[in-house]
Amino acid sequence: MGSRFSFTEQALANLRVYGVFPGEVWEALHSSRRVIRHLGDDVMIVRGRRLAVLLAEADGLDNDWDILSARDLSDVEAKRYEDAVRRSRR
């Protein structure tokens, strides 16, 4: 079974602050070119389509994630993303 993602009300407000549309987040989360970096047991960032998406595990349930926020990658992050995608193709 795959992961399930949900937008919280706070996440939708955060997306508006950063000028990101929910559809863009959805595309990044389901992209074959995504790069996942875990930041502890229940938080991860998914980088895809030039977005960094912050997620937290929903109420400790496996494979259920709350989307907390998303923003454009910085230039440095975009370079790291492209390097990671390139390495994964080898």
Protein backbone atom coordinates (compact mmCIF):
# COMPACT_ATOMS: atom_id res chain seq x y z
CA MET A 1 0.00 0.00 0.00
CA GLY A 2 1.31 3.47 -0.86
CA SER A 3 1.44 6.59 1.23
CA ARG A 4 -1.64 8.74 1.75
CA PHE A 5 -1.35 12.52 1.92
CA SER A 6 -3.75 15.08 3.42
CA PHE A 7 -3.74 18.87 3.38
CA THR A 8 -4.31 20.46 6.77
CA GLU A 9 -6.06 23.82 6.98
CA GLN A 10 -2.78 25.33 8.17
CA ALA A 11 -0.99 23.80 5.17
CA LEU A 12 -3.40 25.44 2.74
CA ALA A 13 -2.75 28.79 4.43
CA ASN A 14 1.02 28.19 4.25
CA LEU A 15 0.79 27.35 0.54
CA ARG A 16 -0.93 30.68 -0.12
CA VAL A 17 1.90 32.49 1.69
CA TYR A 18 4.48 30.85 -0.60
CA GLY A 19 2.38 31.11 -3.78
CA VAL A 20 2.17 27.34 -4.24
CA PHE A 21 -0.98 25.60 -5.49
CA PRO A 22 -2.19 22.31 -3.96
CA GLY A 23 -2.02 20.65 -7.40
CA GLU A 24 1.70 21.44 -7.63
CA VAL A 25 2.27 19.78 -4.26
CA TRP A 26 0.27 16.75 -5.35
CA GLU A 27 2.37 16.45 -8.54
CA ALA A 28 5.62 16.71 -6.55
CA LEU A 29 4.52 14.02 -4.09
CA HIS A 30 3.68 11.61 -6.91
CA SER A 31 6.59 12.46 -9.21
CA SER A 32 8.99 9.72 -10.28
CA ARG A 33 11.75 12.34 -9.84
CA ARG A 34 11.12 13.02 -6.17
CA VAL A 35 13.89 12.94 -3.58
CA ILE A 36 12.91 12.16 0.01
CA ARG A 37 14.94 13.27 3.02
CA HIS A 38 13.78 12.11 6.44
CA LEU A 39 14.20 14.58 9.30
CA GLY A 40 13.52 12.25 12.20
CA ASP A 41 10.98 9.55 12.80
CA ASP A 42 7.90 11.33 11.56
CA VAL A 43 8.87 14.31 9.43
CA MET A 44 10.20 14.33 5.88
CA ILE A 45 10.80 16.75 3.03
CA VAL A 46 9.96 15.69 -0.50
CA ARG A 47 11.77 17.61 -3.18
CA GLY A 48 10.25 17.42 -6.61
CA ARG A 49 9.18 19.76 -9.37
CA ARG A 50 11.35 22.42 -7.74
CA LEU A 51 9.30 22.38 -4.52
CA ALA A 52 10.25 21.42 -0.98
CA VAL A 53 7.23 19.86 0.73
CA LEU A 54 7.22 19.46 4.51
CA LEU A 55 5.24 16.48 5.80
CA ALA A 56 4.55 14.97 9.23
CA GLU A 57 3.21 11.52 9.96
CA ALA A 58 -0.49 11.81 10.77
CA ASP A 59 -1.24 10.74 14.33
CA GLY A 60 1.47 8.08 14.22
CA LEU A 61 -0.23 6.09 11.47
CA ASP A 62 2.13 4.39 9.03
CA ASN A 63 2.04 5.80 5.51
CA ASP A 64 -0.45 8.56 6.41
CA TRP A 65 1.12 12.01 6.05
CA ASP A 66 -0.14 15.53 6.76
CA ILE A 67 1.17 18.13 4.34
CA LEU A 68 2.37 21.05 6.47
CA SER A 69 3.84 23.45 3.92
CA ALA A 70 5.58 23.76 0.56
CA ARG A 71 7.84 26.34 -1.03
CA ASP A 72 10.11 26.80 -4.03
CA LEU A 73 13.57 25.29 -3.76
CA SER A 74 16.41 27.75 -3.27
CA ASP A 75 19.14 27.77 -5.94
CA VAL A 76 21.39 25.64 -3.71
CA GLU A 77 18.58 23.17 -3.02
CA ALA A 78 17.70 22.98 -6.72
CA LYS A 79 21.31 22.08 -7.54
CA ARG A 80 21.35 19.37 -4.84
CA TYR A 81 18.04 18.05 -6.18
CA GLU A 82 19.35 17.82 -9.74
CA ASP A 83 22.54 16.11 -8.49
CA ALA A 84 20.50 13.56 -6.51
CA VAL A 85 18.24 12.81 -9.48
CA ARG A 86 21.26 12.43 -11.74
CA ARG A 87 22.94 10.00 -9.26
CA SER A 88 19.77 7.92 -8.97
CA ARG A 89 19.72 7.35 -12.75
CA ARG A 90 23.12 5.67 -12.75
